[in-house]
Amino acid sequence: MSSLSTHVLDAVSGQPAAGVRVTLERRAGEDWQPLGTGVTDADGRLRDLAPDGLDAGVHRLTFATGDYFAATGQTGFYPEVTVAFTVTEDRHHHVPLLLSPYAYSTYRGS
């Protein structure tokens, strides 16, 4: 089974984004099945969001960025960021998020 980790970096401060709530879901037909939730640690990382592993298919991570901005005294444009991705092979998947109040980017990490 595939594994999954993520991390969030506050691109404005250049520091890890600690305390960001992250939800993992898997597409099941037209619906989304919840697989897990967690909160980034002091290093902005969530190391094992899918302890039971990931099956092949489409998944999505939803980052509660609005809550993070509010907690850090910032005003943000995006109340949440959702990143959908496809698992096609049995390996570790790492999905980082680079975050600022008015922009974000992501990529397939290692």
N, C-alpha and C. Protein backbone atom coordinates (compact mmCIF):
# COMPACT_ATOMS: atom_id res chain seq x y z
N MET A 1 0.83 -1.18 0.00
CA MET A 1 0.00 0.00 0.00
C MET A 1 0.88 1.25 0.00
N SER A 2 0.37 2.28 -0.59
CA SER A 2 1.07 3.55 -0.63
C SER A 2 0.92 4.29 0.69
N SER A 3 1.90 5.11 1.00
CA SER A 3 1.83 5.96 2.19
C SER A 3 1.78 7.42 1.75
N LEU A 4 1.47 8.31 2.70
CA LEU A 4 1.27 9.71 2.38
C LEU A 4 1.79 10.61 3.49
N SER A 5 2.48 11.67 3.10
CA SER A 5 2.87 12.71 4.04
C SER A 5 2.69 14.06 3.36
N THR A 6 2.69 15.12 4.16
CA THR A 6 2.58 16.47 3.63
C THR A 6 3.34 17.41 4.53
N HIS A 7 3.65 18.58 4.04
CA HIS A 7 4.12 19.65 4.90
C HIS A 7 3.68 20.97 4.31
N VAL A 8 3.56 21.96 5.21
CA VAL A 8 3.09 23.27 4.81
C VAL A 8 4.13 24.29 5.24
N LEU A 9 4.52 25.13 4.28
CA LEU A 9 5.48 26.20 4.55
C LEU A 9 4.79 27.54 4.34
N ASP A 10 4.90 28.42 5.33
CA ASP A 10 4.40 29.78 5.21
C ASP A 10 5.43 30.56 4.40
N ALA A 11 5.13 30.82 3.15
CA ALA A 11 6.10 31.44 2.24
C ALA A 11 6.38 32.89 2.58
N VAL A 12 5.50 33.55 3.33
CA VAL A 12 5.74 34.94 3.73
C VAL A 12 6.81 35.00 4.82
N SER A 13 6.69 34.16 5.81
CA SER A 13 7.64 34.17 6.92
C SER A 13 8.84 33.26 6.66
N GLY A 14 8.68 32.33 5.72
CA GLY A 14 9.74 31.35 5.48
C GLY A 14 9.81 30.29 6.56
N GLN A 15 8.78 30.20 7.37
CA GLN A 15 8.74 29.27 8.49
C GLN A 15 7.72 28.16 8.24
N PRO A 16 7.88 27.03 8.91
CA PRO A 16 6.86 25.98 8.81
C PRO A 16 5.52 26.50 9.32
N ALA A 17 4.45 26.03 8.73
CA ALA A 17 3.10 26.40 9.15
C ALA A 17 2.59 25.34 10.11
N ALA A 18 2.77 25.59 11.39
CA ALA A 18 2.33 24.65 12.42
C ALA A 18 0.84 24.84 12.70
N GLY A 19 0.15 23.75 13.03
CA GLY A 19 -1.23 23.83 13.45
C GLY A 19 -2.25 23.88 12.33
N VAL A 20 -1.85 23.52 11.11
CA VAL A 20 -2.81 23.51 9.99
C VAL A 20 -3.54 22.17 9.99
N ARG A 21 -4.87 22.23 10.07
CA ARG A 21 -5.68 21.02 10.01
C ARG A 21 -5.75 20.54 8.56
N VAL A 22 -5.54 19.23 8.37
CA VAL A 22 -5.53 18.63 7.03
C VAL A 22 -6.48 17.43 7.05
N THR A 23 -7.31 17.35 6.00
CA THR A 23 -8.25 16.24 5.86
C THR A 23 -7.91 15.47 4.59
N LEU A 24 -7.90 14.15 4.68
CA LEU A 24 -7.65 13.28 3.53
C LEU A 24 -8.94 12.54 3.18
N GLU A 25 -9.26 12.54 1.86
CA GLU A 25 -10.43 11.82 1.37
C GLU A 25 -10.07 11.06 0.09
N ARG A 26 -10.88 10.04 -0.21
CA ARG A 26 -10.73 9.26 -1.44
C ARG A 26 -12.03 9.32 -2.21
N ARG A 27 -11.92 9.51 -3.53
CA ARG A 27 -13.13 9.54 -4.36
C ARG A 27 -13.74 8.14 -4.42
N ALA A 28 -15.04 8.10 -4.18
CA ALA A 28 -15.80 6.85 -4.27
C ALA A 28 -17.02 7.14 -5.14
N GLY A 29 -16.88 6.94 -6.43
CA GLY A 29 -17.95 7.29 -7.37
C GLY A 29 -18.06 8.80 -7.46
N GLU A 30 -19.24 9.33 -7.14
CA GLU A 30 -19.45 10.78 -7.15
C GLU A 30 -19.20 11.41 -5.78
N ASP A 31 -18.95 10.59 -4.78
CA ASP A 31 -18.79 11.06 -3.41
C ASP A 31 -17.33 10.98 -2.98
N TRP A 32 -17.06 11.55 -1.80
CA TRP A 32 -15.73 11.49 -1.20
C TRP A 32 -15.82 10.77 0.13
N GLN A 33 -14.94 9.79 0.33
CA GLN A 33 -14.91 8.99 1.54
C GLN A 33 -13.79 9.52 2.45
N PRO A 34 -14.10 9.93 3.68
CA PRO A 34 -13.05 10.41 4.58
C PRO A 34 -12.11 9.28 4.97
N LEU A 35 -10.81 9.58 4.94
CA LEU A 35 -9.80 8.59 5.33
C LEU A 35 -9.03 8.99 6.57
N GLY A 36 -8.97 10.28 6.86
CA GLY A 36 -8.23 10.71 8.04
C GLY A 36 -8.08 12.21 8.13
N THR A 37 -7.73 12.66 9.31
CA THR A 37 -7.43 14.06 9.55
C THR A 37 -6.22 14.15 10.46
N GLY A 38 -5.59 15.29 10.43
CA GLY A 38 -4.46 15.53 11.31
C GLY A 38 -4.13 17.01 11.31
N VAL A 39 -3.12 17.36 12.11
CA VAL A 39 -2.69 18.74 12.24
C VAL A 39 -1.18 18.77 12.07
N THR A 40 -0.69 19.74 11.31
CA THR A 40 0.76 19.84 11.10
C THR A 40 1.47 20.12 12.42
N ASP A 41 2.65 19.53 12.57
CA ASP A 41 3.43 19.69 13.79
C ASP A 41 4.24 21.00 13.75
N ALA A 42 5.12 21.19 14.71
CA ALA A 42 5.91 22.42 14.81
C ALA A 42 6.80 22.64 13.59
N ASP A 43 7.11 21.55 12.87
CA ASP A 43 7.91 21.65 11.65
C ASP A 43 7.02 21.76 10.41
N GLY A 44 5.71 21.94 10.60
CA GLY A 44 4.78 22.07 9.49
C GLY A 44 4.48 20.77 8.79
N ARG A 45 4.82 19.64 9.42
CA ARG A 45 4.71 18.33 8.78
C ARG A 45 3.60 17.48 9.38
N LEU A 46 3.05 16.67 8.53
CA LEU A 46 2.11 15.63 8.92
C LEU A 46 2.64 14.37 8.25
N ARG A 47 3.27 13.53 9.03
CA ARG A 47 4.09 12.46 8.49
C ARG A 47 3.34 11.21 8.04
N ASP A 48 2.24 10.90 8.65
CA ASP A 48 1.56 9.64 8.31
C ASP A 48 0.05 9.85 8.34
N LEU A 49 -0.46 10.50 7.32
CA LEU A 49 -1.88 10.83 7.29
C LEU A 49 -2.73 9.62 6.91
N ALA A 50 -2.14 8.61 6.31
CA ALA A 50 -2.88 7.41 5.91
C ALA A 50 -2.23 6.19 6.54
N PRO A 51 -2.43 5.99 7.85
CA PRO A 51 -1.75 4.87 8.52
C PRO A 51 -2.13 3.50 7.97
N ASP A 52 -3.32 3.39 7.36
CA ASP A 52 -3.73 2.11 6.76
C ASP A 52 -3.32 2.01 5.30
N GLY A 53 -2.64 3.05 4.78
CA GLY A 53 -2.19 3.04 3.40
C GLY A 53 -3.24 3.60 2.46
N LEU A 54 -2.80 3.87 1.23
CA LEU A 54 -3.68 4.39 0.19
C LEU A 54 -3.82 3.38 -0.92
N ASP A 55 -5.05 3.13 -1.35
CA ASP A 55 -5.30 2.32 -2.53
C ASP A 55 -5.16 3.20 -3.76
N ALA A 56 -5.05 2.58 -4.92
CA ALA A 56 -5.03 3.34 -6.17
C ALA A 56 -6.33 4.11 -6.30
N GLY A 57 -6.25 5.29 -6.92
CA GLY A 57 -7.45 6.10 -7.14
C GLY A 57 -7.18 7.56 -6.90
N VAL A 58 -8.24 8.34 -6.97
CA VAL A 58 -8.15 9.79 -6.79
C VAL A 58 -8.39 10.12 -5.32
N HIS A 59 -7.51 10.92 -4.78
CA HIS A 59 -7.57 11.36 -3.39
C HIS A 59 -7.51 12.88 -3.36
N ARG A 60 -7.86 13.45 -2.20
CA ARG A 60 -7.67 14.89 -2.05
C ARG A 60 -7.31 15.22 -0.61
N LEU A 61 -6.48 16.23 -0.49
CA LEU A 61 -6.12 16.82 0.79
C LEU A 61 -6.77 18.19 0.85
N THR A 62 -7.40 18.49 1.97
CA THR A 62 -7.97 19.82 2.18
C THR A 62 -7.27 20.43 3.39
N PHE A 63 -6.64 21.57 3.16
CA PHE A 63 -5.89 22.29 4.18
C PHE A 63 -6.75 23.44 4.71
N ALA A 64 -6.94 23.55 6.00
CA ALA A 64 -7.75 24.60 6.60
C ALA A 64 -6.91 25.88 6.74
N THR A 65 -6.65 26.51 5.63
CA THR A 65 -5.75 27.67 5.61
C THR A 65 -6.37 28.91 6.26
N GLY A 66 -7.68 29.07 6.16
CA GLY A 66 -8.32 30.21 6.80
C GLY A 66 -8.12 30.20 8.31
N ASP A 67 -8.26 29.04 8.91
CA ASP A 67 -8.03 28.92 10.36
C ASP A 67 -6.58 29.24 10.71
N TYR A 68 -5.65 28.77 9.88
CA TYR A 68 -4.23 29.06 10.11
C TYR A 68 -3.97 30.57 10.04
N PHE A 69 -4.48 31.22 9.00
CA PHE A 69 -4.27 32.67 8.88
C PHE A 69 -4.86 33.41 10.07
N ALA A 70 -6.07 33.05 10.48
CA ALA A 70 -6.70 33.71 11.63
C ALA A 70 -5.86 33.52 12.89
N ALA A 71 -5.35 32.30 13.09
CA ALA A 71 -4.56 32.01 14.29
C ALA A 71 -3.23 32.76 14.30
N THR A 72 -2.73 33.12 13.13
CA THR A 72 -1.44 33.82 13.06
C THR A 72 -1.62 35.32 12.81
N GLY A 73 -2.85 35.81 12.92
CA GLY A 73 -3.10 37.23 12.79
C GLY A 73 -3.01 37.76 11.37
N GLN A 74 -3.19 36.88 10.39
CA GLN A 74 -3.14 37.28 8.99
C GLN A 74 -4.54 37.21 8.39
N THR A 75 -4.75 37.97 7.35
CA THR A 75 -5.98 37.88 6.58
C THR A 75 -5.65 37.18 5.28
N GLY A 76 -6.33 36.10 4.99
CA GLY A 76 -6.06 35.34 3.78
C GLY A 76 -7.23 35.34 2.83
N PHE A 77 -6.95 35.11 1.58
CA PHE A 77 -7.97 35.07 0.54
C PHE A 77 -8.60 33.69 0.42
N TYR A 78 -7.83 32.65 0.71
CA TYR A 78 -8.29 31.27 0.55
C TYR A 78 -8.66 30.67 1.91
N PRO A 79 -9.95 30.40 2.17
CA PRO A 79 -10.33 29.81 3.45
C PRO A 79 -9.87 28.35 3.57
N GLU A 80 -9.68 27.71 2.42
CA GLU A 80 -9.14 26.36 2.40
C GLU A 80 -8.47 26.14 1.05
N VAL A 81 -7.55 25.20 1.05
CA VAL A 81 -6.88 24.80 -0.19
C VAL A 81 -7.10 23.30 -0.34
N THR A 82 -7.61 22.90 -1.50
CA THR A 82 -7.83 21.49 -1.78
C THR A 82 -6.93 21.06 -2.92
N VAL A 83 -6.19 19.99 -2.69
CA VAL A 83 -5.28 19.45 -3.69
C VAL A 83 -5.71 18.01 -3.98
N ALA A 84 -6.15 17.78 -5.22
CA ALA A 84 -6.53 16.43 -5.64
C ALA A 84 -5.35 15.79 -6.36
N PHE A 85 -5.16 14.50 -6.17
CA PHE A 85 -4.05 13.79 -6.80
C PHE A 85 -4.45 12.34 -7.02
N THR A 86 -3.75 11.70 -7.93
CA THR A 86 -4.05 10.31 -8.29
C THR A 86 -2.93 9.39 -7.84
N VAL A 87 -3.28 8.35 -7.12
CA VAL A 87 -2.34 7.31 -6.72
C VAL A 87 -2.44 6.20 -7.75
N THR A 88 -1.32 5.93 -8.43
CA THR A 88 -1.30 4.89 -9.45
C THR A 88 -0.29 3.79 -9.15
N GLU A 89 0.59 4.05 -8.19
CA GLU A 89 1.63 3.06 -7.90
C GLU A 89 1.84 2.94 -6.40
N ASP A 90 2.34 1.81 -5.99
CA ASP A 90 2.59 1.53 -4.59
C ASP A 90 3.93 2.15 -4.21
N ARG A 91 3.87 3.33 -3.59
CA ARG A 91 5.08 4.04 -3.18
C ARG A 91 4.67 5.10 -2.16
N HIS A 92 5.65 5.81 -1.65
CA HIS A 92 5.36 6.92 -0.75
C HIS A 92 5.00 8.15 -1.57
N HIS A 93 3.95 8.85 -1.17
CA HIS A 93 3.54 10.09 -1.82
C HIS A 93 3.70 11.23 -0.83
N HIS A 94 4.31 12.32 -1.29
CA HIS A 94 4.51 13.51 -0.45
C HIS A 94 3.93 14.70 -1.20
N VAL A 95 3.00 15.41 -0.56
CA VAL A 95 2.31 16.53 -1.20
C VAL A 95 2.54 17.79 -0.36
N PRO A 96 3.55 18.59 -0.70
CA PRO A 96 3.82 19.82 0.04
C PRO A 96 2.91 20.96 -0.41
N LEU A 97 2.71 21.93 0.49
CA LEU A 97 1.95 23.13 0.18
C LEU A 97 2.77 24.34 0.59
N LEU A 98 3.04 25.23 -0.35
CA LEU A 98 3.69 26.50 -0.08
C LEU A 98 2.59 27.54 -0.04
N LEU A 99 2.49 28.27 1.06
CA LEU A 99 1.30 29.06 1.34
C LEU A 99 1.63 30.51 1.63
N SER A 100 0.83 31.41 1.09
CA SER A 100 0.84 32.82 1.47
C SER A 100 -0.62 33.28 1.48
N PRO A 101 -0.92 34.45 2.03
CA PRO A 101 -2.31 34.86 2.13
C PRO A 101 -3.04 34.97 0.79
N TYR A 102 -2.31 35.24 -0.30
CA TYR A 102 -2.98 35.47 -1.59
C TYR A 102 -2.48 34.55 -2.70
N ALA A 103 -1.76 33.49 -2.34
CA ALA A 103 -1.27 32.54 -3.34
C ALA A 103 -0.88 31.25 -2.65
N TYR A 104 -0.85 30.19 -3.43
CA TYR A 104 -0.32 28.92 -2.94
C TYR A 104 0.19 28.12 -4.12
N SER A 105 1.08 27.16 -3.84
CA SER A 105 1.53 26.25 -4.87
C SER A 105 1.80 24.90 -4.21
N THR A 106 1.81 23.88 -5.04
CA THR A 106 2.04 22.53 -4.56
C THR A 106 2.78 21.76 -5.66
N TYR A 107 3.32 20.62 -5.30
CA TYR A 107 4.02 19.78 -6.25
C TYR A 107 4.09 18.38 -5.70
N ARG A 108 4.48 17.44 -6.54
CA ARG A 108 4.68 16.06 -6.08
C ARG A 108 6.08 15.97 -5.51
N GLY A 109 6.15 15.80 -4.22
CA GLY A 109 7.44 15.72 -3.54
C GLY A 109 7.95 14.28 -3.50
N SER A 110 8.99 14.11 -2.73
CA SER A 110 9.57 12.76 -2.60
C SER A 110 9.74 12.39 -1.15
